[in-house]
Protein backbone atom coordinates (compact mmCIF):
# COMPACT_ATOMS: atom_id res chain seq x y z
CA UNK A 1 -14.34 22.16 43.26
CA UNK A 2 -18.03 21.51 43.09
CA UNK A 3 -20.33 22.45 39.99
CA UNK A 4 -23.56 21.00 39.34
CA UNK A 5 -23.74 18.90 36.85
CA UNK A 6 -27.09 18.38 36.35
CA UNK A 7 -28.44 20.39 33.34
CA UNK A 8 -25.20 18.26 31.43
CA UNK A 9 -27.53 15.73 32.02
CA UNK A 10 -30.77 16.76 30.98
CA UNK A 11 -29.23 17.50 27.74
CA UNK A 12 -27.86 14.44 26.79
CA UNK A 13 -30.69 11.87 28.33
CA UNK A 14 -27.78 10.29 30.34
CA UNK A 15 -28.64 10.11 34.75
CA UNK A 16 -25.25 9.11 35.54
CA UNK A 17 -25.65 6.87 38.61
CA UNK A 18 -21.63 7.37 39.86
CA UNK A 19 -21.29 10.84 39.37
CA UNK A 20 -18.28 10.61 40.16
CA UNK A 21 -17.56 9.04 36.81
CA UNK A 22 -19.50 12.13 35.47
CA UNK A 23 -17.03 14.85 36.36
CA UNK A 24 -13.43 12.23 36.06
CA UNK A 25 -15.16 12.57 32.45
CA UNK A 26 -14.44 16.67 32.02
CA UNK A 27 -11.36 16.32 34.53
CA UNK A 28 -8.54 17.68 32.27
CA UNK A 29 -4.75 17.18 33.31
CA UNK A 30 -3.59 20.44 34.06
CA UNK A 31 -6.65 20.92 36.62
CA UNK A 32 -5.50 18.39 38.67
CA UNK A 33 -1.66 20.25 38.82
CA UNK A 34 -3.28 22.50 40.36
CA UNK A 35 -5.55 21.09 42.91
CA UNK A 36 -3.17 18.22 44.12
CA UNK A 37 -6.57 17.21 46.78
CA UNK A 38 -8.97 16.80 44.58
CA UNK A 39 -10.46 13.61 45.09
CA UNK A 40 -10.92 12.18 41.29
CA UNK A 41 -8.21 11.03 38.64
CA UNK A 42 -8.27 12.90 35.57
CA UNK A 43 -10.05 11.97 32.16
CA UNK A 44 -7.67 10.24 29.75
CA UNK A 45 -8.26 6.46 30.79
CA UNK A 46 -11.88 6.84 30.11
CA UNK A 47 -10.97 8.83 26.40
CA UNK A 48 -9.49 5.71 24.98
CA UNK A 49 -12.56 3.59 26.04
CA UNK A 50 -14.67 6.25 25.01
CA UNK A 51 -12.66 6.47 21.64
CA UNK A 52 -12.72 3.06 21.12
CA UNK A 53 -16.61 2.59 22.38
CA UNK A 54 -17.49 5.72 19.81
CA UNK A 55 -15.65 3.52 17.16
CA UNK A 56 -17.31 0.90 17.03
CA UNK A 57 -21.04 1.86 17.84
CA UNK A 58 -20.24 4.08 14.25
CA UNK A 59 -18.14 1.61 12.86
CA UNK A 60 -21.92 -0.81 12.98
CA UNK A 61 -24.06 1.38 11.92
CA UNK A 62 -22.32 1.80 8.96
CA UNK A 63 -22.16 -1.51 8.34
CA UNK A 64 -25.29 -2.70 8.96
CA UNK A 65 -27.09 1.02 6.68
CA UNK A 66 -24.72 1.13 3.79
CA UNK A 67 -24.78 -2.66 3.06
CA UNK A 68 -23.26 -2.06 -0.89
CA UNK A 69 -20.66 0.31 -0.04
CA UNK A 70 -17.39 -0.13 -0.10
CA UNK A 71 -15.05 -0.47 2.87
CA UNK A 72 -12.93 2.53 1.78
CA UNK A 73 -16.25 4.71 1.87
CA UNK A 74 -16.95 3.42 5.04
CA UNK A 75 -14.23 4.61 6.55
CA UNK A 76 -13.99 8.34 4.84
CA UNK A 77 -17.47 8.52 6.18
CA UNK A 78 -16.69 6.95 10.02
CA UNK A 79 -13.24 9.52 9.34
CA UNK A 80 -15.48 12.36 9.23
CA UNK A 81 -17.84 11.24 12.43
CA UNK A 82 -14.96 11.02 15.28
CA UNK A 83 -11.94 13.65 14.45
CA UNK A 84 -11.49 16.34 16.72
CA UNK A 85 -12.87 18.86 14.38
CA UNK A 86 -16.77 16.89 14.50
CA UNK A 87 -16.45 16.27 18.22
CA UNK A 88 -16.16 19.22 19.50
CA UNK A 89 -18.32 20.56 17.23
CA UNK A 90 -20.85 18.36 18.94
CA UNK A 91 -19.10 18.96 22.82
CA UNK A 92 -19.83 23.04 21.96
CA UNK A 93 -23.72 22.18 21.13
CA UNK A 94 -24.01 19.90 23.78
CA UNK A 95 -22.59 22.91 26.13
CA UNK A 96 -19.01 20.88 27.20
CA UNK A 97 -17.70 24.05 27.96
CA UNK A 98 -19.38 24.82 30.97
CA UNK A 99 -18.33 21.70 32.50
CA UNK A 100 -15.08 21.13 31.79
CA UNK A 101 -12.51 21.14 34.81
CA UNK A 102 -9.04 23.17 33.87
CA UNK A 103 -6.08 25.08 35.14
CA UNK A 104 -5.79 28.69 34.74
CA UNK A 105 -3.71 28.79 31.79
CA UNK A 106 -5.82 25.76 30.04
CA UNK A 107 -8.57 28.08 30.47
CA UNK A 108 -7.66 30.85 29.13
CA UNK A 109 -6.67 28.52 25.12
CA UNK A 110 -8.99 29.11 22.83
CA UNK A 111 -8.52 27.77 19.13
CA UNK A 112 -7.88 24.08 18.46
CA UNK A 113 -5.77 23.97 22.07
CA UNK A 114 -10.10 24.44 23.49
CA UNK A 115 -10.88 22.24 20.49
CA UNK A 116 -8.75 18.94 21.14
CA UNK A 117 -9.70 19.36 25.33
CA UNK A 118 -13.14 19.52 24.01
CA UNK A 119 -12.82 16.43 21.05
CA UNK A 120 -11.10 13.92 24.74
CA UNK A 121 -14.47 15.37 26.77
CA UNK A 122 -16.62 13.72 24.27
CA UNK A 123 -14.86 10.72 23.95
CA UNK A 124 -14.34 10.24 27.90
CA UNK A 125 -17.73 11.50 28.14
CA UNK A 126 -18.75 8.27 26.03
CA UNK A 127 -15.70 6.29 27.94
CA UNK A 128 -18.15 7.07 31.31
CA UNK A 129 -21.42 6.49 30.03
CA UNK A 130 -20.35 3.41 28.92
CA UNK A 131 -19.18 1.96 31.94
CA UNK A 132 -22.33 3.64 34.81
CA UNK A 133 -25.11 2.74 31.81
CA UNK A 134 -23.16 0.07 29.19
CA UNK A 135 -23.76 0.54 25.75
CA UNK A 136 -27.06 0.83 24.71
CA UNK A 137 -27.33 3.93 25.95
CA UNK A 138 -23.98 4.74 24.81
CA UNK A 139 -25.40 3.84 21.57
CA UNK A 140 -28.89 5.77 21.99
CA UNK A 141 -26.36 9.07 22.41
CA UNK A 142 -23.64 8.59 19.73
CA UNK A 143 -27.10 7.81 16.99
CA UNK A 144 -29.01 10.93 18.84
CA UNK A 145 -26.67 13.31 18.18
CA UNK A 146 -23.23 12.39 16.63
CA UNK A 147 -24.65 10.41 13.27
CA UNK A 148 -27.06 12.33 13.29
CA UNK A 149 -24.93 14.76 11.12
CA UNK A 150 -24.15 11.54 8.84
CA UNK A 151 -26.70 13.43 5.97
CA UNK A 152 -25.51 16.28 5.35
CA UNK A 153 -21.94 14.71 5.60
CA UNK A 154 -21.70 12.78 2.43
CA UNK A 155 -24.59 14.98 0.63
CA UNK A 156 -21.87 18.60 1.52
CA UNK A 157 -19.01 15.61 0.76
CA UNK A 158 -17.70 16.89 3.45
CA UNK A 159 -15.96 13.42 4.14
CA UNK A 160 -13.50 13.94 0.99
CA UNK A 161 -10.29 16.18 2.08
CA UNK A 162 -9.72 20.07 0.38
CA UNK A 163 -7.56 18.81 -1.72
CA UNK A 164 -9.57 15.86 -3.35
CA UNK A 165 -12.72 18.16 -2.69
CA UNK A 166 -10.37 21.38 -4.77
CA UNK A 167 -9.01 18.88 -7.63
CA UNK A 168 -12.72 17.52 -8.11
CA UNK A 169 -13.85 21.16 -8.38
CA UNK A 170 -11.40 23.05 -10.93
CA UNK A 171 -11.22 19.33 -12.62
CA UNK A 172 -15.23 20.19 -13.14
CA UNK A 173 -15.32 24.01 -13.63
CA UNK A 174 -12.24 24.85 -15.00
CA UNK A 175 -11.00 21.68 -16.71
CA UNK A 176 -7.52 21.69 -14.70
CA UNK A 177 -5.32 19.57 -13.18
CA UNK A 178 -4.06 21.67 -9.74
CA UNK A 179 -0.49 21.43 -9.10
CA UNK A 180 1.44 21.76 -5.79
CA UNK A 181 4.63 23.88 -5.77
CA UNK A 182 6.98 24.03 -2.10
CA UNK A 183 7.54 28.00 -2.27
CA UNK A 184 9.56 28.03 0.97
CA UNK A 185 10.75 25.69 4.00
CA UNK A 186 13.05 26.02 5.90
CA UNK A 187 14.31 24.55 9.66
CA UNK A 188 16.00 21.94 10.37
CA UNK A 189 14.79 18.08 9.66
CA UNK A 190 12.65 17.20 12.67
CA UNK A 191 11.37 20.35 12.99
CA UNK A 192 10.23 21.09 8.68
CA UNK A 193 8.25 24.04 7.87
CA UNK A 194 6.25 24.37 4.84
CA UNK A 195 4.52 26.50 2.63
CA UNK A 196 3.41 25.33 -0.68
CA UNK A 197 1.48 27.22 -3.34
CA UNK A 198 -2.01 25.72 -5.26
CA UNK A 199 -1.75 26.32 -9.30
CA UNK A 200 -4.12 25.93 -11.54
CA UNK A 201 -1.95 26.17 -14.10
CA UNK A 202 0.10 29.71 -14.42
CA UNK A 203 -2.17 30.79 -11.75
CA UNK A 204 -1.18 30.78 -7.55
CA UNK A 205 -4.26 29.97 -6.45
CA UNK A 206 -3.82 29.98 -2.78
CA UNK A 207 -0.61 29.28 -0.71
CA UNK A 208 -0.90 27.06 2.98
CA UNK A 209 1.75 26.34 5.37
CA UNK A 210 2.10 23.07 7.23
CA UNK A 211 4.62 21.46 9.68
CA UNK A 212 4.84 18.78 6.24
CA UNK A 213 4.11 18.72 2.77
CA UNK A 214 1.04 17.24 3.23
CA UNK A 215 -0.85 19.65 5.67
CA UNK A 216 0.81 22.58 3.80
CA UNK A 217 -0.54 21.74 1.00
CA UNK A 218 -4.20 20.51 2.48
CA UNK A 219 -4.15 24.06 3.60
CA UNK A 220 -3.77 25.59 0.33
CA UNK A 221 -6.36 23.61 -0.42
CA UNK A 222 -8.91 24.95 2.03
CA UNK A 223 -7.80 28.11 1.31
CA UNK A 224 -8.46 28.13 -2.43
CA UNK A 225 -11.21 26.84 -2.67
CA UNK A 226 -12.70 29.37 -0.38
CA UNK A 227 -11.08 31.68 -2.43
CA UNK A 228 -12.75 30.48 -5.36
CA UNK A 229 -16.28 30.13 -3.67
CA UNK A 230 -16.39 26.11 -4.55
């Protein structure tokens, strides 16, 4: 299974000395199940390393650039940069989809499953780059491709969860604090499922679903923001 990774090296600005490390960073566990003779391992250990490198670079940047901000605020901003949704977006911008080594089944998967695979691949790629090219190169890559989104995230309040945003907006625009009520729940304790409605006084604005009350409330708030156009 040979893929030409040179377009990716050009796109990311990172030229690997050890091409095997680069290829391995894109190798999903499922690919090895279908290709047992493949001579490289899957990318999970590299992902573990890359996650730590990414967190350090982002933490160091925030600590140095925002000396007057609280720990809580810096933590929120960091979380907004290193979550799966954001990482998969960056991986998409860098055309990572074209280089993933997946099983036939995983290749057909889209949506959240692919989002997580892309996010993990970006972390693996950072881990591989750290081993092959060192911390400085990783730092340059992360600043250029990930931290670039920080001003927009801060300005648009994207680091806040949907519940916080909806509460802020509803208090500001209509002077009401939203309340959440369980509409329906089912299933045994270990696989519970909830549908929860978010209300502005008596108005049911939206309903959300999730495997926990917190998840369902967050989903409801996200939908409510879209419905209200806030």
